[in-house]
Amino acid sequence: GHSMEPNLKDGTMVLGSIIPYLFTKPKTGDIVVFIDKKSKKTFIKRIKKSDGGRYFLAGDNKDDSLDSRKLGWITKKDILGNAIFNF
């Protein structure tokens, strides 16, 4: 979708990896791949805030993004990986 534009264009493929988070915690500014428990859908968003083990995620395109403003905070176990490469 358009939620991460202009940084990730609609249709961009992203490779996510959990390996970086085996050694460090997700941090503000990271782009992560996560699953929403309720809808069982996978999303790509940027970490805007963190509070302990909870993360507030937002799309770079605030006008067209389904993110933590609607989905709520997520936990580290919901994060599938760090977006390490896009093509």
PDB file of N, CA and C in Angstrom:
ATOM      1  N   GLY A   1       0.809  -1.189   0.000  1.00  0.00           N
ATOM      2  CA  GLY A   1       0.000   0.000   0.000  1.00  0.00           C
ATOM      3  C   GLY A   1       0.854   1.256   0.000  1.00  0.00           C
ATOM      4  N   HIS A   2       0.203   2.356   0.276  1.00  0.00           N
ATOM      5  CA  HIS A   2       0.858   3.662   0.227  1.00  0.00           C
ATOM      6  C   HIS A   2       1.299   4.157   1.598  1.00  0.00           C
ATOM      7  N   SER A   3       1.127   3.358   2.628  1.00  0.00           N
ATOM      8  CA  SER A   3       1.354   3.849   3.985  1.00  0.00           C
ATOM      9  C   SER A   3       2.795   4.202   4.319  1.00  0.00           C
ATOM     10  N   MET A   4       3.752   3.650   3.591  1.00  0.00           N
ATOM     11  CA  MET A   4       5.162   3.945   3.887  1.00  0.00           C
ATOM     12  C   MET A   4       5.803   4.872   2.851  1.00  0.00           C
ATOM     13  N   GLU A   5       4.994   5.425   1.944  1.00  0.00           N
ATOM     14  CA  GLU A   5       5.539   6.369   0.966  1.00  0.00           C
ATOM     15  C   GLU A   5       5.908   7.663   1.660  1.00  0.00           C
ATOM     16  N   PRO A   6       6.949   8.338   1.246  1.00  0.00           N
ATOM     17  CA  PRO A   6       7.709   8.123   0.020  1.00  0.00           C
ATOM     18  C   PRO A   6       8.890   7.163   0.181  1.00  0.00           C
ATOM     19  N   ASN A   7       9.151   6.677   1.374  1.00  0.00           N
ATOM     20  CA  ASN A   7      10.337   5.837   1.601  1.00  0.00           C
ATOM     21  C   ASN A   7      10.234   4.455   0.976  1.00  0.00           C
ATOM     22  N   LEU A   8       9.069   3.839   1.032  1.00  0.00           N
ATOM     23  CA  LEU A   8       8.816   2.560   0.368  1.00  0.00           C
ATOM     24  C   LEU A   8       7.612   2.749  -0.535  1.00  0.00           C
ATOM     25  N   LYS A   9       7.808   2.621  -1.804  1.00  0.00           N
ATOM     26  CA  LYS A   9       6.733   2.802  -2.782  1.00  0.00           C
ATOM     27  C   LYS A   9       5.787   1.596  -2.761  1.00  0.00           C
ATOM     28  N   ASP A  10       4.535   1.833  -3.148  1.00  0.00           N
ATOM     29  CA  ASP A  10       3.557   0.763  -3.259  1.00  0.00           C
ATOM     30  C   ASP A  10       4.095  -0.303  -4.207  1.00  0.00           C
ATOM     31  N   GLY A  11       4.061  -1.548  -3.794  1.00  0.00           N
ATOM     32  CA  GLY A  11       4.555  -2.653  -4.609  1.00  0.00           C
ATOM     33  C   GLY A  11       5.994  -3.039  -4.326  1.00  0.00           C
ATOM     34  N   THR A  12       6.697  -2.264  -3.489  1.00  0.00           N
ATOM     35  CA  THR A  12       8.069  -2.596  -3.136  1.00  0.00           C
ATOM     36  C   THR A  12       8.091  -3.894  -2.338  1.00  0.00           C
ATOM     37  N   MET A  13       9.008  -4.773  -2.676  1.00  0.00           N
ATOM     38  CA  MET A  13       9.192  -6.011  -1.917  1.00  0.00           C
ATOM     39  C   MET A  13      10.198  -5.723  -0.794  1.00  0.00           C
ATOM     40  N   VAL A  14       9.925  -6.263   0.374  1.00  0.00           N
ATOM     41  CA  VAL A  14      10.786  -6.030   1.536  1.00  0.00           C
ATOM     42  C   VAL A  14      11.212  -7.363   2.126  1.00  0.00           C
ATOM     43  N   LEU A  15      12.493  -7.467   2.425  1.00  0.00           N
ATOM     44  CA  LEU A  15      13.024  -8.644   3.112  1.00  0.00           C
ATOM     45  C   LEU A  15      13.164  -8.289   4.589  1.00  0.00           C
ATOM     46  N   GLY A  16      12.494  -9.053   5.424  1.00  0.00           N
ATOM     47  CA  GLY A  16      12.579  -8.841   6.856  1.00  0.00           C
ATOM     48  C   GLY A  16      13.344  -9.977   7.513  1.00  0.00           C
ATOM     49  N   SER A  17      14.047  -9.643   8.592  1.00  0.00           N
ATOM     50  CA  SER A  17      14.816 -10.661   9.300  1.00  0.00           C
ATOM     51  C   SER A  17      14.673 -10.467  10.805  1.00  0.00           C
ATOM     52  N   ILE A  18      14.474 -11.556  11.510  1.00  0.00           N
ATOM     53  CA  ILE A  18      14.398 -11.522  12.966  1.00  0.00           C
ATOM     54  C   ILE A  18      15.791 -11.526  13.592  1.00  0.00           C
ATOM     55  N   ILE A  19      16.799 -11.889  12.816  1.00  0.00           N
ATOM     56  CA  ILE A  19      18.162 -12.031  13.345  1.00  0.00           C
ATOM     57  C   ILE A  19      18.653 -10.780  14.080  1.00  0.00           C
ATOM     58  N   PRO A  20      18.468  -9.567  13.533  1.00  0.00           N
ATOM     59  CA  PRO A  20      18.951  -8.398  14.295  1.00  0.00           C
ATOM     60  C   PRO A  20      18.346  -8.296  15.688  1.00  0.00           C
ATOM     61  N   TYR A  21      17.105  -8.743  15.853  1.00  0.00           N
ATOM     62  CA  TYR A  21      16.442  -8.622  17.144  1.00  0.00           C
ATOM     63  C   TYR A  21      16.737  -9.777  18.088  1.00  0.00           C
ATOM     64  N   LEU A  22      17.559 -10.713  17.662  1.00  0.00           N
ATOM     65  CA  LEU A  22      18.055 -11.737  18.589  1.00  0.00           C
ATOM     66  C   LEU A  22      19.151 -11.154  19.473  1.00  0.00           C
ATOM     67  N   PHE A  23      19.771 -10.053  18.995  1.00  0.00           N
ATOM     68  CA  PHE A  23      20.902  -9.450  19.698  1.00  0.00           C
ATOM     69  C   PHE A  23      20.596  -8.077  20.285  1.00  0.00           C
ATOM     70  N   THR A  24      19.619  -7.377  19.719  1.00  0.00           N
ATOM     71  CA  THR A  24      19.255  -6.045  20.204  1.00  0.00           C
ATOM     72  C   THR A  24      17.737  -5.903  20.214  1.00  0.00           C
ATOM     73  N   LYS A  25      17.260  -4.916  20.935  1.00  0.00           N
ATOM     74  CA  LYS A  25      15.835  -4.628  20.974  1.00  0.00           C
ATOM     75  C   LYS A  25      15.475  -3.727  19.801  1.00  0.00           C
ATOM     76  N   PRO A  26      14.252  -3.847  19.297  1.00  0.00           N
ATOM     77  CA  PRO A  26      13.802  -2.884  18.291  1.00  0.00           C
ATOM     78  C   PRO A  26      13.888  -1.474  18.869  1.00  0.00           C
ATOM     79  N   LYS A  27      14.219  -0.508  18.008  1.00  0.00           N
ATOM     80  CA  LYS A  27      14.373   0.857  18.505  1.00  0.00           C
ATOM     81  C   LYS A  27      13.617   1.850  17.627  1.00  0.00           C
ATOM     82  N   THR A  28      13.389   3.018  18.173  1.00  0.00           N
ATOM     83  CA  THR A  28      12.706   4.082  17.442  1.00  0.00           C
ATOM     84  C   THR A  28      13.420   4.336  16.120  1.00  0.00           C
ATOM     85  N   GLY A  29      12.642   4.417  15.057  1.00  0.00           N
ATOM     86  CA  GLY A  29      13.180   4.652  13.724  1.00  0.00           C
ATOM     87  C   GLY A  29      13.296   3.397  12.883  1.00  0.00           C
ATOM     88  N   ASP A  30      13.334   2.226  13.519  1.00  0.00           N
ATOM     89  CA  ASP A  30      13.406   0.962  12.773  1.00  0.00           C
ATOM     90  C   ASP A  30      12.128   0.752  11.969  1.00  0.00           C
ATOM     91  N   ILE A  31      12.278   0.211  10.767  1.00  0.00           N
ATOM     92  CA  ILE A  31      11.126  -0.226   9.980  1.00  0.00           C
ATOM     93  C   ILE A  31      10.988  -1.722  10.226  1.00  0.00           C
ATOM     94  N   VAL A  32       9.810  -2.114  10.702  1.00  0.00           N
ATOM     95  CA  VAL A  32       9.602  -3.510  11.085  1.00  0.00           C
ATOM     96  C   VAL A  32       8.427  -4.137  10.344  1.00  0.00           C
ATOM     97  N   VAL A  33       8.495  -5.454  10.242  1.00  0.00           N
ATOM     98  CA  VAL A  33       7.401  -6.259   9.716  1.00  0.00           C
ATOM     99  C   VAL A  33       6.737  -6.883  10.940  1.00  0.00           C
ATOM    100  N   PHE A  34       5.418  -6.730  11.053  1.00  0.00           N
ATOM    101  CA  PHE A  34       4.728  -7.289  12.218  1.00  0.00           C
ATOM    102  C   PHE A  34       3.373  -7.835  11.802  1.00  0.00           C
ATOM    103  N   ILE A  35       2.815  -8.632  12.688  1.00  0.00           N
ATOM    104  CA  ILE A  35       1.493  -9.205  12.437  1.00  0.00           C
ATOM    105  C   ILE A  35       0.504  -8.622  13.445  1.00  0.00           C
ATOM    106  N   ASP A  36      -0.639  -8.225  12.939  1.00  0.00           N
ATOM    107  CA  ASP A  36      -1.719  -7.749  13.796  1.00  0.00           C
ATOM    108  C   ASP A  36      -2.504  -8.967  14.267  1.00  0.00           C
ATOM    109  N   LYS A  37      -2.566  -9.163  15.569  1.00  0.00           N
ATOM    110  CA  LYS A  37      -3.216 -10.355  16.133  1.00  0.00           C
ATOM    111  C   LYS A  37      -4.684 -10.472  15.742  1.00  0.00           C
ATOM    112  N   LYS A  38      -5.373  -9.348  15.727  1.00  0.00           N
ATOM    113  CA  LYS A  38      -6.815  -9.390  15.457  1.00  0.00           C
ATOM    114  C   LYS A  38      -7.122  -9.774  14.017  1.00  0.00           C
ATOM    115  N   SER A  39      -6.487  -9.097  13.077  1.00  0.00           N
ATOM    116  CA  SER A  39      -6.802  -9.339  11.661  1.00  0.00           C
ATOM    117  C   SER A  39      -5.949 -10.441  11.044  1.00  0.00           C
ATOM    118  N   LYS A  40      -4.861 -10.817  11.726  1.00  0.00           N
ATOM    119  CA  LYS A  40      -3.909 -11.815  11.212  1.00  0.00           C
ATOM    120  C   LYS A  40      -3.217 -11.330   9.931  1.00  0.00           C
ATOM    121  N   LYS A  41      -3.198 -10.001   9.731  1.00  0.00           N
ATOM    122  CA  LYS A  41      -2.541  -9.418   8.564  1.00  0.00           C
ATOM    123  C   LYS A  41      -1.136  -8.963   8.932  1.00  0.00           C
ATOM    124  N   THR A  42      -0.267  -8.964   7.928  1.00  0.00           N
ATOM    125  CA  THR A  42       1.109  -8.524   8.107  1.00  0.00           C
ATOM    126  C   THR A  42       1.244  -7.094   7.595  1.00  0.00           C
ATOM    127  N   PHE A  43       1.967  -6.273   8.352  1.00  0.00           N
ATOM    128  CA  PHE A  43       2.162  -4.870   8.011  1.00  0.00           C
ATOM    129  C   PHE A  43       3.640  -4.504   8.086  1.00  0.00           C
ATOM    130  N   ILE A  44       3.989  -3.409   7.430  1.00  0.00           N
ATOM    131  CA  ILE A  44       5.328  -2.821   7.525  1.00  0.00           C
ATOM    132  C   ILE A  44       5.133  -1.397   8.002  1.00  0.00           C
ATOM    133  N   LYS A  45       5.745  -1.058   9.134  1.00  0.00           N
ATOM    134  CA  LYS A  45       5.620   0.281   9.705  1.00  0.00           C
ATOM    135  C   LYS A  45       6.928   0.668  10.395  1.00  0.00           C
ATOM    136  N   ARG A  46       7.022   1.931  10.755  1.00  0.00           N
ATOM    137  CA  ARG A  46       8.186   2.451  11.459  1.00  0.00           C
ATOM    138  C   ARG A  46       7.866   2.582  12.945  1.00  0.00           C
ATOM    139  N   ILE A  47       8.825   2.236  13.782  1.00  0.00           N
ATOM    140  CA  ILE A  47       8.648   2.409  15.232  1.00  0.00           C
ATOM    141  C   ILE A  47       8.792   3.894  15.547  1.00  0.00           C
ATOM    142  N   LYS A  48       7.743   4.475  16.104  1.00  0.00           N
ATOM    143  CA  LYS A  48       7.756   5.894  16.464  1.00  0.00           C
ATOM    144  C   LYS A  48       8.059   6.100  17.947  1.00  0.00           C
ATOM    145  N   LYS A  49       7.578   5.174  18.786  1.00  0.00           N
ATOM    146  CA  LYS A  49       7.795   5.268  20.236  1.00  0.00           C
ATOM    147  C   LYS A  49       7.934   3.863  20.793  1.00  0.00           C
ATOM    148  N   SER A  50       8.670   3.763  21.887  1.00  0.00           N
ATOM    149  CA  SER A  50       8.719   2.476  22.588  1.00  0.00           C
ATOM    150  C   SER A  50       8.548   2.725  24.072  1.00  0.00           C
ATOM    151  N   ASP A  51       7.921   1.775  24.725  1.00  0.00           N
ATOM    152  CA  ASP A  51       7.652   1.857  26.156  1.00  0.00           C
ATOM    153  C   ASP A  51       7.813   0.453  26.724  1.00  0.00           C
ATOM    154  N   GLY A  52       9.016   0.166  27.206  1.00  0.00           N
ATOM    155  CA  GLY A  52       9.291  -1.179  27.699  1.00  0.00           C
ATOM    156  C   GLY A  52       9.279  -2.152  26.539  1.00  0.00           C
ATOM    157  N   GLY A  53       8.405  -3.142  26.589  1.00  0.00           N
ATOM    158  CA  GLY A  53       8.314  -4.121  25.514  1.00  0.00           C
ATOM    159  C   GLY A  53       7.199  -3.828  24.533  1.00  0.00           C
ATOM    160  N   ARG A  54       6.651  -2.597  24.586  1.00  0.00           N
ATOM    161  CA  ARG A  54       5.568  -2.225  23.681  1.00  0.00           C
ATOM    162  C   ARG A  54       6.063  -1.174  22.692  1.00  0.00           C
ATOM    163  N   TYR A  55       5.473  -1.224  21.487  1.00  0.00           N
ATOM    164  CA  TYR A  55       5.921  -0.330  20.427  1.00  0.00           C
ATOM    165  C   TYR A  55       4.731   0.331  19.746  1.00  0.00           C
ATOM    166  N   PHE A  56       4.872   1.641  19.508  1.00  0.00           N
ATOM    167  CA  PHE A  56       3.873   2.402  18.765  1.00  0.00           C
ATOM    168  C   PHE A  56       4.409   2.557  17.350  1.00  0.00           C
ATOM    169  N   LEU A  57       3.677   2.009  16.383  1.00  0.00           N
ATOM    170  CA  LEU A  57       4.119   1.986  14.996  1.00  0.00           C
ATOM    171  C   LEU A  57       3.272   2.926  14.156  1.00  0.00           C
ATOM    172  N   ALA A  58       3.919   3.572  13.188  1.00  0.00           N
ATOM    173  CA  ALA A  58       3.200   4.474  12.294  1.00  0.00           C
ATOM    174  C   ALA A  58       3.775   4.382  10.897  1.00  0.00           C
ATOM    175  N   GLY A  59       2.908   4.604   9.919  1.00  0.00           N
ATOM    176  CA  GLY A  59       3.356   4.678   8.540  1.00  0.00           C
ATOM    177  C   GLY A  59       3.967   6.038   8.272  1.00  0.00           C
ATOM    178  N   ASP A  60       4.876   6.110   7.320  1.00  0.00           N
ATOM    179  CA  ASP A  60       5.495   7.384   6.968  1.00  0.00           C
ATOM    180  C   ASP A  60       4.486   8.322   6.307  1.00  0.00           C
ATOM    181  N   ASN A  61       3.470   7.773   5.657  1.00  0.00           N
ATOM    182  CA  ASN A  61       2.411   8.543   5.017  1.00  0.00           C
ATOM    183  C   ASN A  61       1.236   8.599   5.992  1.00  0.00           C
ATOM    184  N   LYS A  62       1.245   9.569   6.883  1.00  0.00           N
ATOM    185  CA  LYS A  62       0.260   9.621   7.960  1.00  0.00           C
ATOM    186  C   LYS A  62      -1.187   9.734   7.464  1.00  0.00           C
ATOM    187  N   ASP A  63      -1.370  10.299   6.259  1.00  0.00           N
ATOM    188  CA  ASP A  63      -2.720  10.471   5.739  1.00  0.00           C
ATOM    189  C   ASP A  63      -3.309   9.170   5.189  1.00  0.00           C
ATOM    190  N   ASP A  64      -2.473   8.159   4.953  1.00  0.00           N
ATOM    191  CA  ASP A  64      -2.941   6.903   4.358  1.00  0.00           C
ATOM    192  C   ASP A  64      -2.241   5.721   5.025  1.00  0.00           C
ATOM    193  N   SER A  65      -2.466   5.558   6.331  1.00  0.00           N
ATOM    194  CA  SER A  65      -1.790   4.487   7.044  1.00  0.00           C
ATOM    195  C   SER A  65      -2.667   3.903   8.137  1.00  0.00           C
ATOM    196  N   LEU A  66      -2.812   2.592   8.089  1.00  0.00           N
ATOM    197  CA  LEU A  66      -3.454   1.862   9.178  1.00  0.00           C
ATOM    198  C   LEU A  66      -2.322   1.447  10.101  1.00  0.00           C
ATOM    199  N   ASP A  67      -2.252   2.070  11.273  1.00  0.00           N
ATOM    200  CA  ASP A  67      -1.109   1.851  12.157  1.00  0.00           C
ATOM    201  C   ASP A  67      -1.562   1.855  13.614  1.00  0.00           C
ATOM    202  N   SER A  68      -0.649   2.115  14.533  1.00  0.00           N
ATOM    203  CA  SER A  68      -0.971   2.039  15.960  1.00  0.00           C
ATOM    204  C   SER A  68      -2.027   3.042  16.401  1.00  0.00           C
ATOM    205  N   ARG A  69      -2.257   4.062  15.611  1.00  0.00           N
ATOM    206  CA  ARG A  69      -3.345   4.984  15.953  1.00  0.00           C
ATOM    207  C   ARG A  69      -4.676   4.251  15.936  1.00  0.00           C
ATOM    208  N   LYS A  70      -4.790   3.213  15.108  1.00  0.00           N
ATOM    209  CA  LYS A  70      -6.011   2.401  15.018  1.00  0.00           C
ATOM    210  C   LYS A  70      -5.812   1.011  15.640  1.00  0.00           C
ATOM    211  N   LEU A  71      -4.635   0.409  15.406  1.00  0.00           N
ATOM    212  CA  LEU A  71      -4.375  -0.960  15.855  1.00  0.00           C
ATOM    213  C   LEU A  71      -3.914  -1.041  17.304  1.00  0.00           C
ATOM    214  N   GLY A  72      -3.415   0.044  17.844  1.00  0.00           N
ATOM    215  CA  GLY A  72      -2.880   0.051  19.203  1.00  0.00           C
ATOM    216  C   GLY A  72      -1.405  -0.331  19.238  1.00  0.00           C
ATOM    217  N   TRP A  73      -0.845  -0.320  20.428  1.00  0.00           N
ATOM    218  CA  TRP A  73       0.555  -0.676  20.630  1.00  0.00           C
ATOM    219  C   TRP A  73       0.733  -2.166  20.360  1.00  0.00           C
ATOM    220  N   ILE A  74       1.922  -2.555  19.904  1.00  0.00           N
ATOM    221  CA  ILE A  74       2.218  -3.969  19.693  1.00  0.00           C
ATOM    222  C   ILE A  74       3.371  -4.371  20.611  1.00  0.00           C
ATOM    223  N   THR A  75       3.558  -5.667  20.778  1.00  0.00           N
ATOM    224  CA  THR A  75       4.646  -6.164  21.612  1.00  0.00           C
ATOM    225  C   THR A  75       5.754  -6.738  20.723  1.00  0.00           C
ATOM    226  N   LYS A  76       6.899  -7.002  21.325  1.00  0.00           N
ATOM    227  CA  LYS A  76       8.030  -7.534  20.562  1.00  0.00           C
ATOM    228  C   LYS A  76       7.686  -8.875  19.925  1.00  0.00           C
ATOM    229  N   LYS A  77       6.858  -9.668  20.586  1.00  0.00           N
ATOM    230  CA  LYS A  77       6.525 -10.984  20.019  1.00  0.00           C
ATOM    231  C   LYS A  77       5.684 -10.874  18.756  1.00  0.00           C
ATOM    232  N   ASP A  78       5.065  -9.712  18.515  1.00  0.00           N
ATOM    233  CA  ASP A  78       4.300  -9.490  17.287  1.00  0.00           C
ATOM    234  C   ASP A  78       5.201  -9.093  16.109  1.00  0.00           C
ATOM    235  N   ILE A  79       6.431  -8.695  16.412  1.00  0.00           N
ATOM    236  CA  ILE A  79       7.361  -8.269  15.366  1.00  0.00           C
ATOM    237  C   ILE A  79       7.995  -9.501  14.724  1.00  0.00           C
ATOM    238  N   LEU A  80       7.818  -9.606  13.424  1.00  0.00           N
ATOM    239  CA  LEU A  80       8.370 -10.733  12.667  1.00  0.00           C
ATOM    240  C   LEU A  80       9.812 -10.474  12.248  1.00  0.00           C
ATOM    241  N   GLY A  81      10.183  -9.208  12.128  1.00  0.00           N
ATOM    242  CA  GLY A  81      11.555  -8.909  11.746  1.00  0.00           C
ATOM    243  C   GLY A  81      11.775  -7.447  11.418  1.00  0.00           C
ATOM    244  N   ASN A  82      13.025  -7.116  11.261  1.00  0.00           N
ATOM    245  CA  ASN A  82      13.464  -5.794  10.857  1.00  0.00           C
ATOM    246  C   ASN A  82      13.529  -5.785   9.340  1.00  0.00           C
ATOM    247  N   ALA A  83      13.014  -4.742   8.711  1.00  0.00           N
ATOM    248  CA  ALA A  83      13.101  -4.631   7.248  1.00  0.00           C
ATOM    249  C   ALA A  83      14.546  -4.274   6.912  1.00  0.00           C
ATOM    250  N   ILE A  84      15.274  -5.258   6.379  1.00  0.00           N
ATOM    251  CA  ILE A  84      16.707  -5.057   6.147  1.00  0.00           C
ATOM    252  C   ILE A  84      17.055  -4.768   4.692  1.00  0.00           C
ATOM    253  N   PHE A  85      16.107  -5.022   3.778  1.00  0.00           N
ATOM    254  CA  PHE A  85      16.405  -4.823   2.365  1.00  0.00           C
ATOM    255  C   PHE A  85      15.104  -4.675   1.604  1.00  0.00           C
ATOM    256  N   ASN A  86      15.080  -3.722   0.655  1.00  0.00           N
ATOM    257  CA  ASN A  86      13.900  -3.612  -0.204  1.00  0.00           C
ATOM    258  C   ASN A  86      14.327  -3.592  -1.652  1.00  0.00           C
ATOM    259  N   PHE A  87      13.464  -4.122  -2.502  1.00  0.00           N
ATOM    260  CA  PHE A  87      13.772  -4.200  -3.945  1.00  0.00           C
ATOM    261  C   PHE A  87      12.492  -4.146  -4.748  1.00  0.00           C
TER     262      PHE A  87
END
